[in-house]
Structure formats: C-alpha cells, structure tokens
Amino acid sequence: MASSGLELLWVSLPQLAAGAGQTLSISLLSIAVSTVGGVLYGVLRTLDVKWLNAVLRIYLELFRAIPVLVWLYLLFFGLPIFFGLSVPAFWCAVTVLSLWGASEVGEAARGALRSLPRGQREAGLSLGFNAVQLYAYVLMPQALKRMTPPTINVYTRIIKTSSLAVLIGVVDVIKVGQQIIERTYESVLIYGALFLFFFFICYPLSAASRVLERRWAHA
C-alpha cells in the first residue's frame, strides 16, 4: 500500500507541481502588490488629510467587512454582467488578494508610523528634509521593524486564502488535488500532500514572525 501510494505521488508530481506553481504565482504577486500598496496606504494615512483619510477608511472597512470570497465572486461574475468586462480568473484572484492584503499591510504600516516618537519627525524636518526624504530616510526605516512581524502574518494569510481561487476556476494546487482524487479516490494521500505543501510554506513564515516580534519588541 505504501509503495502504491508513493508511486501515485510520483506519477502525480508534474500535475501537482503545475498547480503549486499557480498557487505560488498568485500568492507572490499578491504579496508584492500588497506590500507596495500597504506601505503607500500607511504613509497616506499619516499625512492627516481629512478627505483622503475618509476615502482610505472606507476602502479599509469594505475589505474588512466583506469576505474575500464575496469579492472574488463580485469581480469574476459581476464585471461581465454589469460592465461587460471579462477578467481571467487568475488575475481576479491576484487583484482581490492584493487589495485585501494592502488594507491589512497598510494598517500595520500606519500603526508602526504612528508609534514612532514625534521627535523623529521634528528632527527630520529640522534637517531640511522634504516629505519624501523624511519618510524615506527617517520614518520608514524605523517603522519597517515594527510592521514586519504583523506583515509576515498577512503574507501567510494571503497564501492560505489563495486556495479560494479554485472556486472561480483557477487550476491551482487544490484543484489539481481534487482532480487526482476524482480519478484515483486516494483522498487521504492527496490531502496529506496538500497539507504538507501549505505547512512547509506557511510555518517558516509564522515562525519568522514570532522570532522577529520577540527580537524587535522594544525597538
């Protein structure tokens, strides 16, 4: 039995690898966009422009109040119905996860920037730095330490949540696993392989987040 199980995994490996590539592509693209968008969100929230804060607050609440799955359905099925736009399932998943992730990373960035002593901002301004230089050379380097642990947690959530893309037709590692199970009925073996795939990707990130949080607790 063990031999046949290993043989099945070996035969299925190219198919599983292709699905894993889709999952990782969605996750990495979403993480990259979330990071850039989240840092920008955090900076804009600390500028204290009332109308901008109101717009960003609405954006945040929309992605906190409405589940990611609903956003996926709205984008994938709603755009063709209401606007005649057809977006491939892969890019729907990347778009939704990026927007959701940016709201989460953005709050981490905003909190980190707000937690810095006011004297840091005043010291930068006294040196003649403009707003861009102030954030680039004084505030963000310090805020990065404080926002990194929660941001890594967001990354793990993006990777795990990427599995929802299967519901709009993305042939990711979950979909591939389902296809193999439908063909072989080896559900325990395949789901065990999927468990290990997500575990070995997400656990190191979670462990790194805890280590950094302890190390930088008083930074």
N, C-alpha and C. Protein backbone atom coordinates (compact mmCIF):
# COMPACT_ATOMS: atom_id res chain seq x y z
N MET A 1 0.83 -1.21 0.00
CA MET A 1 0.00 0.00 0.00
C MET A 1 0.86 1.26 0.00
N ALA A 2 1.91 1.21 0.85
CA ALA A 2 2.80 2.37 0.92
C ALA A 2 3.49 2.59 -0.41
N SER A 3 3.89 1.46 -1.04
CA SER A 3 4.56 1.55 -2.33
C SER A 3 3.64 2.14 -3.40
N SER A 4 2.38 1.70 -3.41
CA SER A 4 1.45 2.22 -4.41
C SER A 4 1.15 3.69 -4.17
N GLY A 5 1.12 4.09 -2.87
CA GLY A 5 0.90 5.50 -2.55
C GLY A 5 2.03 6.38 -3.04
N LEU A 6 3.25 5.94 -2.81
CA LEU A 6 4.42 6.69 -3.28
C LEU A 6 4.46 6.74 -4.80
N GLU A 7 4.06 5.64 -5.41
CA GLU A 7 4.04 5.60 -6.87
C GLU A 7 3.01 6.59 -7.42
N LEU A 8 1.85 6.67 -6.76
CA LEU A 8 0.82 7.62 -7.19
C LEU A 8 1.32 9.06 -7.05
N LEU A 9 1.97 9.35 -5.93
CA LEU A 9 2.52 10.71 -5.74
C LEU A 9 3.56 11.03 -6.79
N TRP A 10 4.39 10.05 -7.10
CA TRP A 10 5.44 10.27 -8.10
C TRP A 10 4.84 10.55 -9.48
N VAL A 11 3.83 9.76 -9.84
CA VAL A 11 3.18 9.94 -11.14
C VAL A 11 2.43 11.27 -11.20
N SER A 12 1.87 11.67 -10.05
CA SER A 12 1.07 12.91 -10.00
C SER A 12 1.92 14.15 -9.79
N LEU A 13 3.22 13.97 -9.54
CA LEU A 13 4.07 15.10 -9.18
C LEU A 13 4.09 16.22 -10.23
N PRO A 14 4.21 15.93 -11.54
CA PRO A 14 4.19 17.03 -12.51
C PRO A 14 2.89 17.84 -12.47
N GLN A 15 1.76 17.14 -12.31
CA GLN A 15 0.48 17.82 -12.25
C GLN A 15 0.37 18.66 -10.98
N LEU A 16 0.80 18.10 -9.85
CA LEU A 16 0.79 18.84 -8.59
C LEU A 16 1.74 20.04 -8.64
N ALA A 17 2.88 19.86 -9.29
CA ALA A 17 3.85 20.95 -9.41
C ALA A 17 3.28 22.11 -10.22
N ALA A 18 2.54 21.77 -11.29
CA ALA A 18 1.92 22.82 -12.10
C ALA A 18 0.88 23.59 -11.29
N GLY A 19 0.09 22.87 -10.51
CA GLY A 19 -0.89 23.53 -9.65
C GLY A 19 -0.24 24.36 -8.57
N ALA A 20 0.85 23.82 -7.99
CA ALA A 20 1.58 24.57 -6.96
C ALA A 20 2.17 25.85 -7.55
N GLY A 21 2.60 25.78 -8.82
CA GLY A 21 3.13 26.97 -9.49
C GLY A 21 2.07 28.06 -9.60
N GLN A 22 0.83 27.67 -9.90
CA GLN A 22 -0.27 28.63 -9.96
C GLN A 22 -0.52 29.26 -8.60
N THR A 23 -0.56 28.41 -7.57
CA THR A 23 -0.79 28.90 -6.21
C THR A 23 0.30 29.88 -5.79
N LEU A 24 1.54 29.52 -6.04
CA LEU A 24 2.66 30.38 -5.64
C LEU A 24 2.69 31.66 -6.47
N SER A 25 2.33 31.57 -7.74
CA SER A 25 2.30 32.77 -8.59
C SER A 25 1.27 33.77 -8.08
N ILE A 26 0.07 33.28 -7.79
CA ILE A 26 -0.97 34.15 -7.23
C ILE A 26 -0.52 34.76 -5.91
N SER A 27 0.05 33.92 -5.05
CA SER A 27 0.46 34.38 -3.72
C SER A 27 1.57 35.42 -3.80
N LEU A 28 2.61 35.13 -4.59
CA LEU A 28 3.76 36.04 -4.65
C LEU A 28 3.41 37.37 -5.30
N LEU A 29 2.61 37.32 -6.37
CA LEU A 29 2.18 38.57 -7.00
C LEU A 29 1.33 39.39 -6.03
N SER A 30 0.43 38.73 -5.31
CA SER A 30 -0.43 39.42 -4.36
C SER A 30 0.38 40.00 -3.21
N ILE A 31 1.37 39.25 -2.74
CA ILE A 31 2.22 39.74 -1.65
C ILE A 31 3.01 40.97 -2.10
N ALA A 32 3.55 40.92 -3.32
CA ALA A 32 4.33 42.07 -3.82
C ALA A 32 3.47 43.32 -3.92
N VAL A 33 2.29 43.19 -4.53
CA VAL A 33 1.40 44.35 -4.68
C VAL A 33 0.89 44.82 -3.31
N SER A 34 0.58 43.88 -2.43
CA SER A 34 0.10 44.22 -1.09
C SER A 34 1.13 45.01 -0.31
N THR A 35 2.39 44.63 -0.46
CA THR A 35 3.45 45.31 0.28
C THR A 35 3.60 46.75 -0.19
N VAL A 36 3.69 46.94 -1.49
CA VAL A 36 3.84 48.30 -2.04
C VAL A 36 2.59 49.13 -1.72
N GLY A 37 1.41 48.56 -2.00
CA GLY A 37 0.18 49.28 -1.74
C GLY A 37 -0.03 49.56 -0.26
N GLY A 38 0.33 48.60 0.59
CA GLY A 38 0.16 48.78 2.03
C GLY A 38 1.05 49.87 2.60
N VAL A 39 2.30 49.91 2.15
CA VAL A 39 3.21 50.98 2.61
C VAL A 39 2.69 52.35 2.17
N LEU A 40 2.23 52.42 0.91
CA LEU A 40 1.66 53.68 0.42
C LEU A 40 0.44 54.07 1.23
N TYR A 41 -0.44 53.10 1.51
CA TYR A 41 -1.62 53.36 2.32
C TYR A 41 -1.23 53.91 3.70
N GLY A 42 -0.24 53.25 4.33
CA GLY A 42 0.18 53.68 5.66
C GLY A 42 0.73 55.09 5.67
N VAL A 43 1.52 55.41 4.66
CA VAL A 43 2.08 56.77 4.57
C VAL A 43 0.97 57.80 4.37
N LEU A 44 0.05 57.51 3.46
CA LEU A 44 -1.04 58.45 3.18
C LEU A 44 -1.93 58.67 4.40
N ARG A 45 -2.14 57.60 5.19
CA ARG A 45 -2.98 57.74 6.37
C ARG A 45 -2.34 58.64 7.43
N THR A 46 -1.00 58.74 7.42
CA THR A 46 -0.33 59.57 8.42
C THR A 46 -0.13 61.01 7.97
N LEU A 47 -0.59 61.33 6.76
CA LEU A 47 -0.48 62.72 6.28
C LEU A 47 -1.57 63.60 6.87
N ASP A 48 -2.59 62.98 7.46
CA ASP A 48 -3.69 63.69 8.12
C ASP A 48 -4.44 64.64 7.19
N VAL A 49 -4.68 64.16 5.96
CA VAL A 49 -5.56 64.89 5.03
C VAL A 49 -6.96 64.31 5.20
N LYS A 50 -7.91 65.13 5.63
CA LYS A 50 -9.21 64.63 6.07
C LYS A 50 -9.94 63.84 4.99
N TRP A 51 -10.05 64.40 3.78
CA TRP A 51 -10.81 63.71 2.74
C TRP A 51 -10.12 62.42 2.31
N LEU A 52 -8.77 62.44 2.31
CA LEU A 52 -8.01 61.24 1.94
C LEU A 52 -8.16 60.16 3.00
N ASN A 53 -8.12 60.56 4.27
CA ASN A 53 -8.33 59.61 5.35
C ASN A 53 -9.71 58.98 5.26
N ALA A 54 -10.70 59.77 4.89
CA ALA A 54 -12.08 59.25 4.78
C ALA A 54 -12.17 58.20 3.67
N VAL A 55 -11.55 58.50 2.52
CA VAL A 55 -11.57 57.56 1.39
C VAL A 55 -10.86 56.26 1.76
N LEU A 56 -9.68 56.38 2.37
CA LEU A 56 -8.91 55.19 2.74
C LEU A 56 -9.60 54.39 3.83
N ARG A 57 -10.31 55.08 4.71
CA ARG A 57 -11.04 54.39 5.77
C ARG A 57 -12.19 53.57 5.18
N ILE A 58 -12.87 54.12 4.20
CA ILE A 58 -13.94 53.39 3.52
C ILE A 58 -13.38 52.15 2.84
N TYR A 59 -12.26 52.33 2.14
CA TYR A 59 -11.59 51.20 1.48
C TYR A 59 -11.26 50.10 2.48
N LEU A 60 -10.70 50.50 3.62
CA LEU A 60 -10.33 49.53 4.66
C LEU A 60 -11.55 48.78 5.16
N GLU A 61 -12.61 49.51 5.47
CA GLU A 61 -13.79 48.87 6.04
C GLU A 61 -14.48 47.96 5.04
N LEU A 62 -14.45 48.31 3.76
CA LEU A 62 -15.05 47.45 2.74
C LEU A 62 -14.36 46.09 2.68
N PHE A 63 -13.02 46.10 2.78
CA PHE A 63 -12.30 44.84 2.69
C PHE A 63 -12.24 44.09 4.02
N ARG A 64 -12.55 44.79 5.12
CA ARG A 64 -12.64 44.10 6.40
C ARG A 64 -14.04 43.51 6.61
N ALA A 65 -15.05 44.19 6.12
CA ALA A 65 -16.43 43.78 6.37
C ALA A 65 -16.92 42.71 5.40
N ILE A 66 -16.38 42.73 4.17
CA ILE A 66 -16.86 41.80 3.14
C ILE A 66 -15.83 40.69 2.93
N PRO A 67 -16.24 39.42 3.04
CA PRO A 67 -15.29 38.31 2.88
C PRO A 67 -14.60 38.31 1.51
N VAL A 68 -13.38 37.78 1.50
CA VAL A 68 -12.61 37.70 0.26
C VAL A 68 -13.37 36.91 -0.81
N LEU A 69 -14.05 35.85 -0.40
CA LEU A 69 -14.79 35.04 -1.37
C LEU A 69 -15.86 35.85 -2.08
N VAL A 70 -16.54 36.72 -1.36
CA VAL A 70 -17.57 37.57 -1.97
C VAL A 70 -16.94 38.52 -2.98
N TRP A 71 -15.78 39.08 -2.64
CA TRP A 71 -15.08 39.96 -3.58
C TRP A 71 -14.67 39.20 -4.84
N LEU A 72 -14.22 37.97 -4.67
CA LEU A 72 -13.85 37.15 -5.83
C LEU A 72 -15.04 36.95 -6.75
N TYR A 73 -16.19 36.62 -6.18
CA TYR A 73 -17.39 36.42 -6.99
C TYR A 73 -17.84 37.71 -7.66
N LEU A 74 -17.77 38.81 -6.89
CA LEU A 74 -18.19 40.09 -7.46
C LEU A 74 -17.34 40.47 -8.66
N LEU A 75 -16.04 40.28 -8.52
CA LEU A 75 -15.14 40.67 -9.61
C LEU A 75 -15.27 39.73 -10.80
N PHE A 76 -15.29 38.41 -10.53
CA PHE A 76 -15.28 37.43 -11.61
C PHE A 76 -16.62 37.35 -12.34
N PHE A 77 -17.72 37.39 -11.58
CA PHE A 77 -19.04 37.25 -12.19
C PHE A 77 -19.74 38.60 -12.40
N GLY A 78 -19.41 39.56 -11.53
CA GLY A 78 -20.10 40.85 -11.60
C GLY A 78 -19.63 41.74 -12.73
N LEU A 79 -18.33 41.79 -12.98
CA LEU A 79 -17.82 42.66 -14.05
C LEU A 79 -18.39 42.32 -15.42
N PRO A 80 -18.45 41.03 -15.81
CA PRO A 80 -19.05 40.72 -17.12
C PRO A 80 -20.53 41.08 -17.20
N ILE A 81 -21.26 40.91 -16.09
CA ILE A 81 -22.70 41.17 -16.09
C ILE A 81 -22.99 42.66 -16.17
N PHE A 82 -22.32 43.45 -15.33
CA PHE A 82 -22.66 44.86 -15.20
C PHE A 82 -21.85 45.78 -16.11
N PHE A 83 -20.63 45.38 -16.45
CA PHE A 83 -19.77 46.27 -17.24
C PHE A 83 -19.26 45.64 -18.53
N GLY A 84 -19.60 44.39 -18.77
CA GLY A 84 -19.15 43.71 -19.98
C GLY A 84 -17.67 43.44 -20.02
N LEU A 85 -17.03 43.44 -18.84
CA LEU A 85 -15.59 43.18 -18.75
C LEU A 85 -15.35 41.77 -18.26
N SER A 86 -14.52 41.04 -18.98
CA SER A 86 -14.20 39.67 -18.58
C SER A 86 -12.74 39.61 -18.15
N VAL A 87 -12.52 39.36 -16.86
CA VAL A 87 -11.16 39.29 -16.32
C VAL A 87 -10.82 37.83 -16.05
N PRO A 88 -9.67 37.34 -16.55
CA PRO A 88 -9.30 35.95 -16.28
C PRO A 88 -9.30 35.65 -14.78
N ALA A 89 -9.66 34.42 -14.44
CA ALA A 89 -9.78 34.03 -13.03
C ALA A 89 -8.47 34.26 -12.26
N PHE A 90 -7.34 33.98 -12.91
CA PHE A 90 -6.04 34.17 -12.26
C PHE A 90 -5.87 35.61 -11.81
N TRP A 91 -6.17 36.56 -12.70
CA TRP A 91 -5.97 37.96 -12.37
C TRP A 91 -7.05 38.49 -11.44
N CYS A 92 -8.23 37.90 -11.47
CA CYS A 92 -9.25 38.24 -10.47
C CYS A 92 -8.73 37.91 -9.07
N ALA A 93 -8.16 36.71 -8.94
CA ALA A 93 -7.63 36.29 -7.65
C ALA A 93 -6.50 37.20 -7.19
N VAL A 94 -5.58 37.53 -8.09
CA VAL A 94 -4.46 38.41 -7.74
C VAL A 94 -4.98 39.79 -7.33
N THR A 95 -5.95 40.32 -8.06
CA THR A 95 -6.48 41.65 -7.76
C THR A 95 -7.14 41.70 -6.39
N VAL A 96 -8.02 40.74 -6.12
CA VAL A 96 -8.73 40.74 -4.85
C VAL A 96 -7.78 40.52 -3.68
N LEU A 97 -6.88 39.54 -3.80
CA LEU A 97 -5.94 39.28 -2.71
C LEU A 97 -5.00 40.46 -2.49
N SER A 98 -4.63 41.14 -3.57
CA SER A 98 -3.75 42.31 -3.45
C SER A 98 -4.45 43.45 -2.72
N LEU A 99 -5.69 43.72 -3.10
CA LEU A 99 -6.44 44.81 -2.45
C LEU A 99 -6.71 44.49 -0.98
N TRP A 100 -7.09 43.25 -0.73
CA TRP A 100 -7.32 42.85 0.66
C TRP A 100 -6.02 42.89 1.47
N GLY A 101 -4.95 42.34 0.89
CA GLY A 101 -3.67 42.33 1.58
C GLY A 101 -3.13 43.72 1.83
N ALA A 102 -3.32 44.63 0.86
CA ALA A 102 -2.84 46.00 1.02
C ALA A 102 -3.54 46.70 2.18
N SER A 103 -4.83 46.41 2.38
CA SER A 103 -5.54 47.02 3.50
C SER A 103 -4.96 46.54 4.83
N GLU A 104 -4.59 45.26 4.90
CA GLU A 104 -4.03 44.71 6.13
C GLU A 104 -2.60 45.19 6.36
N VAL A 105 -1.77 45.14 5.32
CA VAL A 105 -0.40 45.65 5.45
C VAL A 105 -0.42 47.15 5.74
N GLY A 106 -1.36 47.85 5.11
CA GLY A 106 -1.47 49.29 5.31
C GLY A 106 -1.75 49.66 6.75
N GLU A 107 -2.62 48.90 7.40
CA GLU A 107 -2.90 49.18 8.81
C GLU A 107 -1.68 48.90 9.68
N ALA A 108 -0.91 47.87 9.33
CA ALA A 108 0.33 47.59 10.06
C ALA A 108 1.32 48.74 9.87
N ALA A 109 1.42 49.25 8.64
CA ALA A 109 2.33 50.36 8.35
C ALA A 109 1.87 51.63 9.07
N ARG A 110 0.59 51.89 9.03
CA ARG A 110 0.05 53.08 9.71
C ARG A 110 0.32 53.02 11.21
N GLY A 111 0.05 51.86 11.81
CA GLY A 111 0.30 51.71 13.24
C GLY A 111 1.76 51.88 13.59
N ALA A 112 2.64 51.33 12.75
CA ALA A 112 4.08 51.45 13.01
C ALA A 112 4.54 52.90 12.91
N LEU A 113 4.06 53.60 11.90
CA LEU A 113 4.44 55.01 11.73
C LEU A 113 3.90 55.87 12.87
N ARG A 114 2.67 55.59 13.28
CA ARG A 114 2.06 56.37 14.38
C ARG A 114 2.77 56.12 15.70
N SER A 115 3.38 54.95 15.85
CA SER A 115 4.01 54.61 17.12
C SER A 115 5.38 55.26 17.30
N LEU A 116 5.93 55.83 16.23
CA LEU A 116 7.25 56.47 16.34
C LEU A 116 7.15 57.77 17.14
N PRO A 117 8.15 58.05 17.96
CA PRO A 117 8.14 59.32 18.72
C PRO A 117 8.03 60.53 17.79
N ARG A 118 7.26 61.50 18.20
CA ARG A 118 7.07 62.69 17.37
C ARG A 118 8.39 63.42 17.10
N GLY A 119 9.33 63.25 18.02
CA GLY A 119 10.62 63.91 17.85
C GLY A 119 11.37 63.46 16.61
N GLN A 120 11.10 62.22 16.14
CA GLN A 120 11.76 61.74 14.93
C GLN A 120 11.35 62.56 13.72
N ARG A 121 10.07 62.84 13.64
CA ARG A 121 9.57 63.67 12.53
C ARG A 121 10.15 65.08 12.61
N GLU A 122 10.14 65.64 13.81
CA GLU A 122 10.63 67.00 14.00
C GLU A 122 12.13 67.10 13.72
N ALA A 123 12.87 66.04 14.08
CA ALA A 123 14.32 66.04 13.82
C ALA A 123 14.59 66.01 12.32
N GLY A 124 13.81 65.23 11.59
CA GLY A 124 13.99 65.17 10.14
C GLY A 124 13.67 66.50 9.48
N LEU A 125 12.60 67.12 9.92
CA LEU A 125 12.22 68.42 9.35
C LEU A 125 13.26 69.48 9.68
N SER A 126 13.84 69.39 10.87
CA SER A 126 14.86 70.39 11.26
C SER A 126 16.12 70.25 10.42
N LEU A 127 16.34 69.06 9.86
CA LEU A 127 17.50 68.85 8.98
C LEU A 127 17.23 69.31 7.55
N GLY A 128 16.03 69.79 7.30
CA GLY A 128 15.69 70.30 5.98
C GLY A 128 15.14 69.26 5.02
N PHE A 129 14.77 68.08 5.54
CA PHE A 129 14.20 67.04 4.68
C PHE A 129 12.80 67.45 4.22
N ASN A 130 12.51 67.17 2.94
CA ASN A 130 11.13 67.33 2.49
C ASN A 130 10.34 66.08 2.90
N ALA A 131 9.05 66.02 2.53
CA ALA A 131 8.19 64.92 2.99
C ALA A 131 8.70 63.57 2.50
N VAL A 132 9.12 63.51 1.24
CA VAL A 132 9.60 62.23 0.68
C VAL A 132 10.87 61.78 1.41
N GLN A 133 11.81 62.70 1.61
CA GLN A 133 13.05 62.35 2.29
C GLN A 133 12.79 61.96 3.75
N LEU A 134 11.84 62.65 4.37
CA LEU A 134 11.52 62.37 5.77
C LEU A 134 11.05 60.92 5.94
N TYR A 135 10.15 60.50 5.05
CA TYR A 135 9.65 59.13 5.14
C TYR A 135 10.69 58.12 4.70
N ALA A 136 11.45 58.46 3.66
CA ALA A 136 12.41 57.51 3.10
C ALA A 136 13.61 57.27 4.01
N TYR A 137 14.11 58.32 4.63
CA TYR A 137 15.35 58.21 5.38
C TYR A 137 15.20 58.19 6.90
N VAL A 138 14.06 58.64 7.41
CA VAL A 138 13.89 58.73 8.86
C VAL A 138 12.78 57.82 9.38
N LEU A 139 11.58 57.98 8.85
CA LEU A 139 10.42 57.29 9.44
C LEU A 139 10.28 55.83 9.00
N MET A 140 10.31 55.57 7.69
CA MET A 140 10.07 54.20 7.22
C MET A 140 11.13 53.20 7.68
N PRO A 141 12.44 53.56 7.68
CA PRO A 141 13.42 52.57 8.18
C PRO A 141 13.13 52.13 9.61
N GLN A 142 12.63 53.03 10.45
CA GLN A 142 12.29 52.66 11.82
C GLN A 142 10.96 51.90 11.88
N ALA A 143 10.01 52.33 11.06
CA ALA A 143 8.69 51.69 11.07
C ALA A 143 8.75 50.27 10.52
N LEU A 144 9.68 50.00 9.61
CA LEU A 144 9.76 48.67 9.00
C LEU A 144 9.96 47.58 10.05
N LYS A 145 10.78 47.86 11.05
CA LYS A 145 10.99 46.87 12.09
C LYS A 145 9.70 46.55 12.82
N ARG A 146 8.91 47.57 13.08
CA ARG A 146 7.69 47.37 13.86
C ARG A 146 6.57 46.74 13.04
N MET A 147 6.58 46.99 11.75
CA MET A 147 5.49 46.45 10.92
C MET A 147 5.80 45.08 10.32
N THR A 148 7.07 44.66 10.38
CA THR A 148 7.45 43.42 9.71
C THR A 148 6.76 42.18 10.29
N PRO A 149 6.75 41.96 11.62
CA PRO A 149 6.08 40.75 12.13
C PRO A 149 4.60 40.65 11.73
N PRO A 150 3.77 41.69 11.95
CA PRO A 150 2.37 41.57 11.51
C PRO A 150 2.23 41.45 10.00
N THR A 151 3.13 42.05 9.26
CA THR A 151 3.07 41.95 7.80
C THR A 151 3.35 40.53 7.34
N ILE A 152 4.29 39.85 7.97
CA ILE A 152 4.57 38.46 7.62
C ILE A 152 3.34 37.60 7.89
N ASN A 153 2.61 37.90 8.97
CA ASN A 153 1.38 37.17 9.25
C ASN A 153 0.36 37.38 8.13
N VAL A 154 0.31 38.59 7.58
CA VAL A 154 -0.58 38.86 6.45
C VAL A 154 -0.17 38.01 5.25
N TYR A 155 1.13 37.87 5.04
CA TYR A 155 1.63 37.05 3.92
C TYR A 155 1.13 35.61 4.03
N THR A 156 1.21 35.04 5.24
CA THR A 156 0.75 33.66 5.41
C THR A 156 -0.75 33.56 5.14
N ARG A 157 -1.49 34.57 5.55
CA ARG A 157 -2.94 34.56 5.31
C ARG A 157 -3.24 34.66 3.81
N ILE A 158 -2.45 35.44 3.10
CA ILE A 158 -2.63 35.54 1.64
C ILE A 158 -2.39 34.19 0.99
N ILE A 159 -1.32 33.51 1.39
CA ILE A 159 -1.01 32.20 0.80
C ILE A 159 -2.14 31.21 1.06
N LYS A 160 -2.63 31.19 2.30
CA LYS A 160 -3.71 30.25 2.62
C LYS A 160 -5.01 30.64 1.93
N THR A 161 -5.30 31.92 1.88
CA THR A 161 -6.55 32.38 1.28
C THR A 161 -6.54 32.22 -0.23
N SER A 162 -5.35 32.11 -0.83
CA SER A 162 -5.27 31.92 -2.28
C SER A 162 -5.98 30.65 -2.72
N SER A 163 -6.20 29.72 -1.79
CA SER A 163 -6.90 28.48 -2.13
C SER A 163 -8.35 28.73 -2.55
N LEU A 164 -8.90 29.89 -2.19
CA LEU A 164 -10.27 30.22 -2.60
C LEU A 164 -10.37 30.44 -4.11
N ALA A 165 -9.24 30.67 -4.76
CA ALA A 165 -9.25 30.90 -6.21
C ALA A 165 -9.81 29.72 -6.98
N VAL A 166 -9.76 28.54 -6.35
CA VAL A 166 -10.30 27.34 -7.01
C VAL A 166 -11.79 27.51 -7.30
N LEU A 167 -12.49 28.32 -6.49
CA LEU A 167 -13.94 28.48 -6.62
C LEU A 167 -14.34 29.35 -7.82
N ILE A 168 -13.37 30.04 -8.42
CA ILE A 168 -13.69 30.79 -9.64
C ILE A 168 -12.98 30.18 -10.86
N GLY A 169 -12.48 28.96 -10.69
CA GLY A 169 -11.96 28.23 -11.85
C GLY A 169 -10.46 28.21 -12.02
N VAL A 170 -9.70 28.74 -11.08
CA VAL A 170 -8.24 28.69 -11.20
C VAL A 170 -7.78 27.26 -10.92
N VAL A 171 -6.96 26.73 -11.79
CA VAL A 171 -6.45 25.36 -11.61
C VAL A 171 -5.18 25.44 -10.76
N ASP A 172 -5.40 25.66 -9.46
CA ASP A 172 -4.27 25.75 -8.54
C ASP A 172 -4.00 24.38 -7.94
N VAL A 173 -3.17 24.34 -6.90
CA VAL A 173 -2.78 23.04 -6.34
C VAL A 173 -3.98 22.34 -5.70
N ILE A 174 -4.94 23.10 -5.16
CA ILE A 174 -6.13 22.49 -4.58
C ILE A 174 -6.98 21.83 -5.68
N LYS A 175 -7.18 22.54 -6.79
CA LYS A 175 -7.96 21.99 -7.89
C LYS A 175 -7.30 20.75 -8.47
N VAL A 176 -5.99 20.81 -8.62
CA VAL A 176 -5.26 19.65 -9.13
C VAL A 176 -5.44 18.45 -8.20
N GLY A 177 -5.35 18.72 -6.89
CA GLY A 177 -5.56 17.66 -5.92
C GLY A 177 -6.94 17.04 -6.04
N GLN A 178 -7.95 17.89 -6.22
CA GLN A 178 -9.31 17.38 -6.39
C GLN A 178 -9.44 16.53 -7.65
N GLN A 179 -8.79 16.96 -8.71
CA GLN A 179 -8.84 16.19 -9.96
C GLN A 179 -8.20 14.82 -9.79
N ILE A 180 -7.09 14.76 -9.07
CA ILE A 180 -6.41 13.48 -8.84
C ILE A 180 -7.28 12.57 -7.97
N ILE A 181 -7.91 13.16 -6.96
CA ILE A 181 -8.78 12.38 -6.07
C ILE A 181 -9.97 11.81 -6.85
N GLU A 182 -10.56 12.62 -7.72
CA GLU A 182 -11.69 12.14 -8.53
C GLU A 182 -11.29 10.96 -9.42
N ARG A 183 -10.01 10.94 -9.80
CA ARG A 183 -9.54 9.89 -10.70
C ARG A 183 -9.08 8.64 -9.95
N THR A 184 -8.53 8.84 -8.73
CA THR A 184 -7.90 7.72 -8.02
C THR A 184 -8.60 7.34 -6.72
N TYR A 185 -9.42 8.25 -6.18
CA TYR A 185 -10.11 8.05 -4.89
C TYR A 185 -9.13 7.98 -3.72
N GLU A 186 -7.93 8.48 -3.90
CA GLU A 186 -6.93 8.49 -2.82
C GLU A 186 -6.97 9.84 -2.11
N SER A 187 -8.08 10.11 -1.42
CA SER A 187 -8.27 11.43 -0.81
C SER A 187 -7.31 11.69 0.34
N VAL A 188 -7.10 10.69 1.21
CA VAL A 188 -6.22 10.88 2.37
C VAL A 188 -4.79 11.19 1.92
N LEU A 189 -4.31 10.44 0.96
CA LEU A 189 -2.95 10.63 0.46
C LEU A 189 -2.76 12.01 -0.17
N ILE A 190 -3.70 12.41 -1.03
CA ILE A 190 -3.56 13.68 -1.74
C ILE A 190 -3.75 14.87 -0.80
N TYR A 191 -4.76 14.80 0.06
CA TYR A 191 -4.94 15.90 1.00
C TYR A 191 -3.79 15.98 1.99
N GLY A 192 -3.20 14.82 2.30
CA GLY A 192 -1.99 14.85 3.13
C GLY A 192 -0.86 15.57 2.44
N ALA A 193 -0.71 15.35 1.13
CA ALA A 193 0.33 16.05 0.35
C ALA A 193 0.06 17.55 0.31
N LEU A 194 -1.22 17.92 0.16
CA LEU A 194 -1.57 19.35 0.14
C LEU A 194 -1.32 19.99 1.51
N PHE A 195 -1.61 19.25 2.56
CA PHE A 195 -1.33 19.72 3.92
C PHE A 195 0.15 20.05 4.08
N LEU A 196 1.00 19.12 3.63
CA LEU A 196 2.44 19.33 3.75
C LEU A 196 2.91 20.51 2.90
N PHE A 197 2.31 20.68 1.71
CA PHE A 197 2.68 21.78 0.83
C PHE A 197 2.45 23.12 1.53
N PHE A 198 1.25 23.31 2.08
CA PHE A 198 0.95 24.59 2.73
C PHE A 198 1.71 24.73 4.05
N PHE A 199 1.90 23.63 4.76
CA PHE A 199 2.61 23.70 6.03
C PHE A 199 4.04 24.15 5.84
N PHE A 200 4.74 23.56 4.87
CA PHE A 200 6.16 23.88 4.69
C PHE A 200 6.37 25.27 4.07
N ILE A 201 5.31 25.87 3.55
CA ILE A 201 5.42 27.25 3.07
C ILE A 201 5.07 28.24 4.18
N CYS A 202 3.98 27.95 4.89
CA CYS A 202 3.45 28.92 5.86
C CYS A 202 4.12 28.85 7.23
N TYR A 203 4.49 27.66 7.67
CA TYR A 203 5.06 27.56 9.01
C TYR A 203 6.37 28.35 9.17
N PRO A 204 7.32 28.26 8.23
CA PRO A 204 8.54 29.07 8.39
C PRO A 204 8.25 30.57 8.47
N LEU A 205 7.25 31.04 7.72
CA LEU A 205 6.89 32.46 7.80
C LEU A 205 6.33 32.80 9.18
N SER A 206 5.45 31.96 9.70
CA SER A 206 4.88 32.20 11.03
C SER A 206 5.98 32.17 12.10
N ALA A 207 6.90 31.22 11.98
CA ALA A 207 8.00 31.13 12.95
C ALA A 207 8.88 32.37 12.87
N ALA A 208 9.17 32.82 11.66
CA ALA A 208 9.99 34.03 11.49
C ALA A 208 9.30 35.24 12.10
N SER A 209 7.98 35.33 11.94
CA SER A 209 7.22 36.44 12.51
C SER A 209 7.35 36.46 14.03
N ARG A 210 7.25 35.30 14.66
CA ARG A 210 7.35 35.24 16.13
C ARG A 210 8.75 35.61 16.60
N VAL A 211 9.76 35.13 15.89
CA VAL A 211 11.14 35.45 16.27
C VAL A 211 11.40 36.94 16.16
N LEU A 212 10.98 37.54 15.04
CA LEU A 212 11.20 38.97 14.84
C LEU A 212 10.42 39.80 15.85
N GLU A 213 9.21 39.35 16.18
CA GLU A 213 8.39 40.09 17.15
C GLU A 213 9.06 40.12 18.51
N ARG A 214 9.65 38.99 18.92
CA ARG A 214 10.37 38.97 20.19
C ARG A 214 11.63 39.82 20.14
N ARG A 215 12.34 39.74 19.01
CA ARG A 215 13.62 40.44 18.89
C ARG A 215 13.42 41.95 18.86
N TRP A 216 12.34 42.38 18.19
CA TRP A 216 12.13 43.82 17.99
C TRP A 216 11.03 44.39 18.90
N ALA A 217 10.71 43.65 19.95
CA ALA A 217 9.61 44.06 20.83
C ALA A 217 9.85 45.45 21.42
N HIS A 218 11.10 45.77 21.66
CA HIS A 218 11.41 47.06 22.28
C HIS A 218 12.15 48.01 21.33
N ALA A 219 12.03 47.73 20.02
CA ALA A 219 12.74 48.56 19.04
C ALA A 219 12.06 49.92 18.93
